[in-house]
Amino acid sequence: MYPTISDFIKDIFGINLPLPIQSFGFFLAIAFLFAAFFLTKEFKRKEKQGLINPIIKTKVKGKPVSFEGLGLNGLIAFILGFKIFGAILNYSEFSDNPQQYIISTKGNLWIGIVFAFIAIAYQYTRRYKARLKEPIITEYKIRPHEHTSNIILIGAITGIIGSKLFHNLENIDELIANPIDALLSFSGLTFYGGLILATIAIIIYSIKNKIPVAVMADVVAPAIILAYGIGRIGCQFAGDGDWGIANLTPKPGWLGFLPDWLWAYNYPHNIINEGIPIDGCISKHCFVLANPVFPTPVYETIMCILLFGLIWLIRKKIKTNSVLFGFFLIFMGIERFLIEKIRINIHYNILGYKFSQAEIISILLILTGLVLIWMLKRKTPTYKKN
């Protein structure tokens, strides 16, 4: 496994290049870039259909200098200077564990103060020159696709918070044992927690910016399922514990064309140091699973990319708002429910049946999607002709 991009570079090219980039974080960033690309395409298509219209917002020009604003700019500049130059001067420590360094009190105080002073002076000069005796209100237009960056940012922040929250609630013993690592590490993310919290946040954003929620749901559906699939590549690369149950069964003959690791894999050098020690290893991650397991992140990546292709193909054929989102809920529910059968999870006993948290939510998603489609198909189609 390659917990960091540096591990990958060293293994493939033999070059020891210490970079403060974790594999999961790298693929998460790639996932957001792909999501942004397809969100932009869908926003433009919906605008062309007349389903989402540009909005007019106002801003005040020539306002007096705000000392609160200057203070905020100065604080942000101080933190950036304090941490960035501290990281440069202590690069080996930073690259070894960037998350721990970021939340520590380590940094360069004087560079932080200089950054704050420059930022405050620049903002004060710029706003002082732009001031007017009588501030005026100006209008500007925001087209639908210009919401993409805001949605990605909101989705990323609330998604990660929700993922960590749900994971820690399900694994409360890990939180108690090591709260800092449990809250700040990239491993241990529960997708459904992120989906639920991000959905709430994006609904609020849609209402605030006069974007029909029913249309927004269809816009984000393809991007979410694709981003989830790409993000799972990061889980596989890092070996973050999202693997399946032990698989000691010989690979079936009809799967002989596939590599052995795609059937059962033991995740050497996994990022959570799970398993037994590797002889002769001297790196930070020197453990390998005692028994091979199903590499479920790979399976999810394959399924989600296929489902994304299906959703992308049918999106123009569906004429009723939010029906596509209903299919998305069904597809995601089925995909996750199936994969849970071979994943390691905590199970709850409900009426004599054992279900994991993800299985329960999967069933609810499938039922929600079915009910949503049934209710919407009873109404008159609202899409304009493509």
Protein backbone atom coordinates (compact mmCIF):
# COMPACT_ATOMS: atom_id res chain seq x y z
CA MET A 1 0.00 0.00 0.00
CA TYR A 2 0.98 3.63 -0.39
CA PRO A 3 -0.20 5.67 2.63
CA THR A 4 1.44 8.74 1.09
CA ILE A 5 2.26 9.84 -2.45
CA SER A 6 5.91 9.74 -1.41
CA ASP A 7 5.58 5.99 -0.76
CA PHE A 8 4.23 5.53 -4.27
CA ILE A 9 7.04 7.55 -5.88
CA LYS A 10 9.69 5.69 -3.91
CA ASP A 11 8.29 2.26 -4.81
CA ILE A 12 7.79 2.98 -8.52
CA PHE A 13 10.75 5.25 -9.28
CA GLY A 14 13.13 4.54 -6.38
CA ILE A 15 13.23 8.24 -5.44
CA ASN A 16 12.81 9.32 -1.82
CA LEU A 17 10.81 12.54 -2.22
CA PRO A 18 9.13 13.52 1.07
CA LEU A 19 5.81 15.19 0.24
CA PRO A 20 3.11 16.12 2.78
CA ILE A 21 0.40 14.50 0.66
CA GLN A 22 -1.55 11.49 1.88
CA SER A 23 -2.87 9.14 -0.78
CA PHE A 24 -6.46 9.35 0.38
CA GLY A 25 -6.39 13.15 0.46
CA PHE A 26 -4.88 13.21 -3.03
CA PHE A 27 -7.63 11.05 -4.52
CA LEU A 28 -10.26 12.98 -2.58
CA ALA A 29 -9.03 16.16 -4.29
CA ILE A 30 -9.18 14.39 -7.68
CA ALA A 31 -12.73 13.29 -6.87
CA PHE A 32 -13.79 16.89 -6.17
CA LEU A 33 -12.22 18.07 -9.44
CA PHE A 34 -14.20 15.50 -11.42
CA ALA A 35 -17.34 16.41 -9.49
CA ALA A 36 -16.80 20.10 -10.31
CA PHE A 37 -16.40 19.31 -14.02
CA PHE A 38 -19.66 17.38 -14.28
CA LEU A 39 -21.55 19.79 -12.02
CA THR A 40 -20.58 22.64 -14.34
CA LYS A 41 -21.77 20.72 -17.40
CA GLU A 42 -25.12 19.93 -15.79
CA PHE A 43 -25.65 23.48 -14.54
CA LYS A 44 -25.10 24.82 -18.05
CA ARG A 45 -27.51 22.25 -19.49
CA LYS A 46 -30.19 23.08 -16.93
CA GLU A 47 -29.75 26.79 -17.60
CA LYS A 48 -30.18 26.16 -21.33
CA GLN A 49 -33.39 24.27 -20.55
CA GLY A 50 -34.61 27.20 -18.49
CA LEU A 51 -34.81 25.13 -15.30
CA ILE A 52 -32.28 27.25 -13.40
CA ASN A 53 -32.02 30.97 -13.99
CA PRO A 54 -29.26 33.46 -13.18
CA ILE A 55 -29.80 35.41 -9.97
CA ILE A 56 -29.13 39.06 -9.29
CA LYS A 57 -27.24 40.00 -6.16
CA THR A 58 -26.22 43.36 -4.80
CA LYS A 59 -23.12 44.71 -3.15
CA VAL A 60 -22.22 48.07 -1.65
CA LYS A 61 -19.31 49.97 -3.23
CA GLY A 62 -17.36 52.69 -1.49
CA LYS A 63 -18.11 51.66 2.10
CA PRO A 64 -15.89 53.08 4.85
CA VAL A 65 -13.03 50.91 6.01
CA SER A 66 -14.29 48.17 8.30
CA PHE A 67 -11.94 47.44 11.20
CA GLU A 68 -13.68 44.12 11.77
CA GLY A 69 -12.88 43.14 8.18
CA LEU A 70 -9.29 44.28 8.53
CA GLY A 71 -8.94 42.26 11.71
CA LEU A 72 -10.30 39.13 10.04
CA ASN A 73 -7.94 39.54 7.06
CA GLY A 74 -5.05 40.07 9.43
CA LEU A 75 -5.93 36.97 11.45
CA ILE A 76 -6.16 34.77 8.35
CA ALA A 77 -2.85 36.13 7.02
CA PHE A 78 -1.19 35.55 10.41
CA ILE A 79 -2.31 31.92 10.52
CA LEU A 80 -1.15 31.30 6.94
CA GLY A 81 2.25 32.91 7.50
CA PHE A 82 2.66 31.26 10.90
CA LYS A 83 1.94 27.77 9.59
CA ILE A 84 3.33 27.91 6.03
CA PHE A 85 6.75 29.26 6.95
CA GLY A 86 6.84 27.10 10.03
CA ALA A 87 6.21 24.09 7.80
CA ILE A 88 8.97 25.18 5.40
CA LEU A 89 11.49 25.60 8.21
CA ASN A 90 10.46 22.27 9.80
CA TYR A 91 9.68 20.45 6.57
CA SER A 92 10.70 16.96 7.66
CA GLU A 93 8.38 17.10 10.67
CA PHE A 94 5.57 18.59 8.58
CA SER A 95 5.85 16.06 5.74
CA ASP A 96 6.01 13.20 8.23
CA ASN A 97 2.64 14.05 9.79
CA PRO A 98 0.98 17.13 8.22
CA GLN A 99 -2.29 16.84 10.13
CA GLN A 100 -0.61 16.71 13.53
CA TYR A 101 1.60 19.67 12.59
CA ILE A 102 -1.35 21.77 11.40
CA ILE A 103 -3.27 21.41 14.67
CA SER A 104 -0.17 21.92 16.83
CA THR A 105 1.02 25.28 18.17
CA LYS A 106 4.17 25.07 16.08
CA GLY A 107 4.91 27.71 13.46
CA ASN A 108 6.89 30.89 12.82
CA LEU A 109 5.56 33.72 14.99
CA TRP A 110 7.48 36.59 13.38
CA ILE A 111 6.58 35.64 9.82
CA GLY A 112 2.96 35.36 10.95
CA ILE A 113 3.07 38.89 12.35
CA VAL A 114 4.68 40.22 9.14
CA PHE A 115 2.00 38.53 7.01
CA ALA A 116 -0.74 40.01 9.20
CA PHE A 117 0.75 43.53 8.97
CA ILE A 118 1.10 43.33 5.15
CA ALA A 119 -2.46 42.02 4.73
CA ILE A 120 -3.96 44.74 6.95
CA ALA A 121 -1.94 47.49 5.24
CA TYR A 122 -2.89 46.26 1.77
CA GLN A 123 -6.59 45.95 2.56
CA TYR A 124 -6.70 49.33 4.30
CA THR A 125 -4.98 51.09 1.36
CA ARG A 126 -7.18 49.40 -1.23
CA ARG A 127 -10.43 50.13 0.57
CA TYR A 128 -9.40 53.66 1.54
CA LYS A 129 -8.79 54.51 -2.12
CA ALA A 130 -12.12 52.96 -3.15
CA ARG A 131 -14.21 54.77 -0.53
CA LEU A 132 -16.98 57.12 -1.63
CA LYS A 133 -18.68 59.96 0.17
CA GLU A 134 -21.97 58.25 -0.54
CA PRO A 135 -21.66 54.45 -0.91
CA ILE A 136 -23.66 53.07 -3.83
CA ILE A 137 -25.44 49.75 -4.31
CA THR A 138 -24.49 47.85 -7.47
CA GLU A 139 -26.00 44.71 -8.98
CA TYR A 140 -24.22 41.73 -10.47
CA LYS A 141 -25.41 38.50 -12.07
CA ILE A 142 -24.51 34.97 -10.99
CA ARG A 143 -25.11 32.28 -13.61
CA PRO A 144 -25.97 28.75 -12.45
CA HIS A 145 -22.59 27.16 -13.23
CA GLU A 146 -20.87 29.85 -11.15
CA HIS A 147 -22.28 28.14 -8.06
CA THR A 148 -20.07 25.10 -8.67
CA SER A 149 -17.09 26.15 -6.55
CA ASN A 150 -19.33 27.08 -3.61
CA ILE A 151 -21.19 23.77 -3.80
CA ILE A 152 -17.96 21.78 -3.98
CA LEU A 153 -16.56 23.65 -0.97
CA ILE A 154 -19.76 23.25 1.04
CA GLY A 155 -20.05 19.59 0.06
CA ALA A 156 -16.40 18.90 0.91
CA ILE A 157 -16.47 20.52 4.34
CA THR A 158 -19.86 19.22 5.48
CA GLY A 159 -19.24 15.85 3.84
CA ILE A 160 -16.01 15.26 5.74
CA ILE A 161 -17.54 16.49 9.01
CA GLY A 162 -20.57 14.25 8.57
CA SER A 163 -18.40 11.27 7.59
CA LYS A 164 -16.23 11.65 10.67
CA LEU A 165 -19.23 12.21 12.93
CA PHE A 166 -21.06 9.05 11.81
CA HIS A 167 -17.87 6.97 11.93
CA ASN A 168 -17.00 8.09 15.45
CA LEU A 169 -20.54 7.48 16.68
CA GLU A 170 -20.29 3.94 15.33
CA ASN A 171 -16.77 3.46 16.72
CA ILE A 172 -16.97 5.32 20.01
CA ASP A 173 -14.15 3.21 21.52
CA GLU A 174 -11.68 4.53 18.90
CA LEU A 175 -12.75 8.11 19.67
CA ILE A 176 -12.20 7.65 23.40
CA ALA A 177 -8.84 5.92 22.94
CA ASN A 178 -7.37 8.55 20.59
CA PRO A 179 -9.71 11.53 20.06
CA ILE A 180 -7.24 13.69 18.07
CA ASP A 181 -6.46 10.98 15.54
CA ALA A 182 -10.10 9.85 15.36
CA LEU A 183 -11.33 13.36 14.61
CA LEU A 184 -8.60 14.60 12.26
CA SER A 185 -7.28 11.62 10.32
CA PHE A 186 -8.45 10.96 6.76
CA SER A 187 -9.10 7.31 7.59
CA GLY A 188 -12.40 6.33 9.13
CA LEU A 189 -14.96 8.15 7.00
CA THR A 190 -18.55 6.94 6.77
CA PHE A 191 -19.99 7.92 3.39
CA TYR A 192 -23.61 8.08 4.46
CA GLY A 193 -22.82 10.52 7.25
CA GLY A 194 -21.18 12.81 4.74
CA LEU A 195 -24.03 12.38 2.26
CA ILE A 196 -26.69 13.29 4.82
CA LEU A 197 -24.95 16.38 6.22
CA ALA A 198 -23.82 17.61 2.79
CA THR A 199 -27.35 17.15 1.43
CA ILE A 200 -28.80 19.32 4.18
CA ALA A 201 -26.16 22.00 3.59
CA ILE A 202 -26.68 22.05 -0.19
CA ILE A 203 -30.47 22.24 0.22
CA ILE A 204 -30.02 25.31 2.42
CA TYR A 205 -27.64 26.82 -0.15
CA SER A 206 -30.11 26.10 -2.97
CA ILE A 207 -33.00 27.79 -1.18
CA LYS A 208 -30.84 30.80 -0.30
CA ASN A 209 -29.75 31.20 -3.92
CA LYS A 210 -33.17 30.53 -5.48
CA ILE A 211 -32.16 27.26 -7.14
CA PRO A 212 -35.08 24.78 -7.27
CA VAL A 213 -34.15 21.98 -4.90
CA ALA A 214 -35.77 19.40 -7.19
CA VAL A 215 -33.49 20.47 -10.04
CA MET A 216 -30.41 20.77 -7.86
CA ALA A 217 -30.90 17.16 -6.76
CA ASP A 218 -30.63 15.99 -10.37
CA VAL A 219 -27.59 18.19 -11.00
CA VAL A 220 -25.53 16.77 -8.14
CA ALA A 221 -26.55 13.10 -8.46
CA PRO A 222 -24.05 12.05 -11.17
CA ALA A 223 -21.22 14.03 -9.56
CA ILE A 224 -21.76 12.44 -6.13
CA ILE A 225 -21.67 8.85 -7.32
CA LEU A 226 -18.58 9.47 -9.47
CA ALA A 227 -16.74 11.31 -6.70
CA TYR A 228 -17.54 8.50 -4.27
CA GLY A 229 -16.10 5.92 -6.66
CA ILE A 230 -12.89 7.92 -7.19
CA GLY A 231 -12.55 8.51 -3.46
CA ARG A 232 -12.59 4.75 -2.90
CA ILE A 233 -9.38 4.51 -4.97
CA GLY A 234 -7.76 6.51 -2.17
CA CYS A 235 -9.07 4.00 0.40
CA GLN A 236 -7.47 1.18 -1.57
CA PHE A 237 -4.17 3.00 -2.09
CA ALA A 238 -3.80 3.93 1.58
CA GLY A 239 -5.25 0.77 3.08
CA ASP A 240 -7.38 2.74 5.52
CA GLY A 241 -9.36 -0.18 6.95
CA ASP A 242 -12.35 -0.02 4.59
CA TRP A 243 -11.62 -3.51 3.36
CA GLY A 244 -13.81 -6.58 3.48
CA ILE A 245 -13.99 -9.75 5.54
CA ALA A 246 -11.30 -12.41 5.39
CA ASN A 247 -11.33 -14.32 2.11
CA LEU A 248 -9.49 -17.65 2.29
CA THR A 249 -11.50 -19.20 -0.52
CA PRO A 250 -9.46 -20.07 -3.64
CA LYS A 251 -10.19 -17.81 -6.61
CA PRO A 252 -12.81 -19.43 -8.88
CA GLY A 253 -11.55 -20.70 -12.19
CA TRP A 254 -13.91 -18.47 -14.16
CA LEU A 255 -12.14 -15.47 -12.62
CA GLY A 256 -8.73 -16.72 -13.67
CA PHE A 257 -8.18 -13.72 -15.95
CA LEU A 258 -8.19 -11.37 -12.94
CA PRO A 259 -5.09 -10.72 -10.78
CA ASP A 260 -5.08 -12.56 -7.46
CA TRP A 261 -5.11 -9.33 -5.41
CA LEU A 262 -8.49 -8.41 -6.87
CA TRP A 263 -9.96 -11.53 -5.26
CA ALA A 264 -8.09 -11.48 -1.95
CA TYR A 265 -5.52 -8.97 -0.69
CA ASN A 266 -3.58 -8.60 2.54
CA TYR A 267 -2.88 -4.82 2.44
CA PRO A 268 0.85 -4.63 3.26
CA HIS A 269 2.03 -1.32 4.72
CA ASN A 270 -1.57 -0.20 5.38
CA ILE A 271 -1.91 3.25 6.91
CA ILE A 272 -3.68 2.10 10.08
CA ASN A 273 -0.95 -0.44 10.93
CA GLU A 274 -3.39 -3.32 11.14
CA GLY A 275 -2.23 -6.94 11.18
CA ILE A 276 1.15 -8.53 11.87
CA PRO A 277 4.64 -6.99 11.57
CA ILE A 278 6.50 -7.24 8.26
CA ASP A 279 9.96 -8.74 8.69
CA GLY A 280 12.78 -6.30 8.01
CA CYS A 281 10.50 -3.29 7.55
CA ILE A 282 11.72 -0.03 9.12
CA SER A 283 9.14 2.48 7.81
CA LYS A 284 6.16 3.98 9.67
CA HIS A 285 3.78 1.43 8.20
CA CYS A 286 5.16 -2.06 8.71
CA PHE A 287 2.09 -4.25 9.08
CA VAL A 288 0.27 -6.67 6.80
CA LEU A 289 -3.05 -8.43 7.41
CA ALA A 290 -2.65 -11.96 8.73
CA ASN A 291 -5.32 -13.19 6.34
CA PRO A 292 -6.22 -11.78 2.91
CA VAL A 293 -9.54 -9.98 2.64
CA PHE A 294 -11.94 -8.85 -0.07
CA PRO A 295 -10.59 -5.53 -1.51
CA THR A 296 -14.01 -3.91 -1.28
CA PRO A 297 -12.83 -0.36 -2.15
CA VAL A 298 -11.91 -1.63 -5.62
CA TYR A 299 -15.31 -3.26 -6.04
CA GLU A 300 -17.05 -0.04 -5.03
CA THR A 301 -14.95 2.01 -7.45
CA ILE A 302 -15.92 -0.29 -10.33
CA MET A 303 -19.61 -0.34 -9.40
CA CYS A 304 -19.85 3.42 -8.87
CA ILE A 305 -18.14 4.27 -12.15
CA LEU A 306 -20.54 1.92 -13.97
CA LEU A 307 -23.51 3.45 -12.14
CA PHE A 308 -22.26 6.94 -12.98
CA GLY A 309 -22.15 5.95 -16.65
CA LEU A 310 -25.72 4.66 -16.41
CA ILE A 311 -27.01 7.81 -14.70
CA TRP A 312 -25.17 10.01 -17.20
CA LEU A 313 -26.76 8.11 -20.11
CA ILE A 314 -30.33 8.27 -18.83
CA ARG A 315 -30.30 11.81 -17.44
CA LYS A 316 -31.60 13.40 -20.67
CA LYS A 317 -34.35 10.83 -21.09
CA ILE A 318 -36.00 11.59 -17.74
CA LYS A 319 -38.49 14.44 -17.98
CA THR A 320 -39.56 14.93 -14.36
CA ASN A 321 -37.47 16.82 -11.85
CA SER A 322 -35.87 14.70 -9.11
CA VAL A 323 -36.70 11.34 -10.71
CA LEU A 324 -33.02 11.02 -11.63
CA PHE A 325 -32.16 11.69 -7.99
CA GLY A 326 -34.60 8.94 -7.02
CA PHE A 327 -32.70 6.50 -9.23
CA PHE A 328 -29.46 7.72 -7.68
CA LEU A 329 -30.77 6.89 -4.20
CA ILE A 330 -31.82 3.42 -5.34
CA PHE A 331 -28.52 2.71 -7.09
CA MET A 332 -26.42 3.93 -4.15
CA GLY A 333 -28.56 1.98 -1.69
CA ILE A 334 -28.26 -1.26 -3.65
CA GLU A 335 -24.53 -0.82 -4.24
CA ARG A 336 -23.74 -0.22 -0.60
CA PHE A 337 -26.14 -2.88 0.70
CA LEU A 338 -24.48 -5.52 -1.48
CA ILE A 339 -20.93 -4.50 -0.54
CA GLU A 340 -21.83 -4.55 3.17
CA LYS A 341 -22.27 -8.32 2.93
CA ILE A 342 -18.50 -8.72 2.59
CA ARG A 343 -17.30 -5.74 4.65
CA ILE A 344 -16.20 -5.65 8.28
CA ASN A 345 -18.75 -3.66 10.27
CA ILE A 346 -20.45 -3.31 13.60
CA HIS A 347 -23.90 -4.92 13.44
CA TYR A 348 -27.06 -4.09 15.36
CA ASN A 349 -29.71 -6.64 16.30
CA ILE A 350 -33.12 -5.49 15.06
CA LEU A 351 -36.06 -7.86 15.52
CA GLY A 352 -33.74 -10.83 15.43
CA TYR A 353 -31.91 -9.69 12.28
CA LYS A 354 -28.39 -8.25 12.24
CA PHE A 355 -27.78 -5.07 10.24
CA SER A 356 -24.88 -2.68 10.01
CA GLN A 357 -25.45 1.08 10.14
CA ALA A 358 -24.76 1.27 6.40
CA GLU A 359 -27.23 -1.54 5.62
CA ILE A 360 -29.98 0.22 7.55
CA ILE A 361 -29.36 3.50 5.73
CA SER A 362 -29.09 1.64 2.39
CA ILE A 363 -32.54 0.15 2.86
CA LEU A 364 -33.93 3.58 3.75
CA LEU A 365 -32.32 5.09 0.64
CA ILE A 366 -33.80 2.41 -1.61
CA LEU A 367 -37.26 2.89 -0.12
CA THR A 368 -36.95 6.69 -0.31
CA GLY A 369 -35.91 6.49 -3.96
CA LEU A 370 -38.80 4.18 -4.85
CA VAL A 371 -41.37 6.36 -3.07
CA LEU A 372 -39.92 9.53 -4.60
CA ILE A 373 -40.12 8.16 -8.15
CA TRP A 374 -43.63 6.80 -7.58
CA MET A 375 -44.87 10.14 -6.27
CA LEU A 376 -43.20 12.21 -8.99
CA LYS A 377 -44.30 10.01 -11.88
CA ARG A 378 -47.90 10.71 -10.89
CA LYS A 379 -47.33 14.39 -11.66
CA THR A 380 -47.11 16.16 -15.00
CA PRO A 381 -43.51 16.28 -16.34
CA THR A 382 -41.83 19.61 -15.71
CA TYR A 383 -38.74 19.31 -17.94
CA LYS A 384 -38.57 21.17 -21.18
CA LYS A 385 -37.69 19.23 -24.30
CA ASN A 386 -33.95 18.70 -24.80
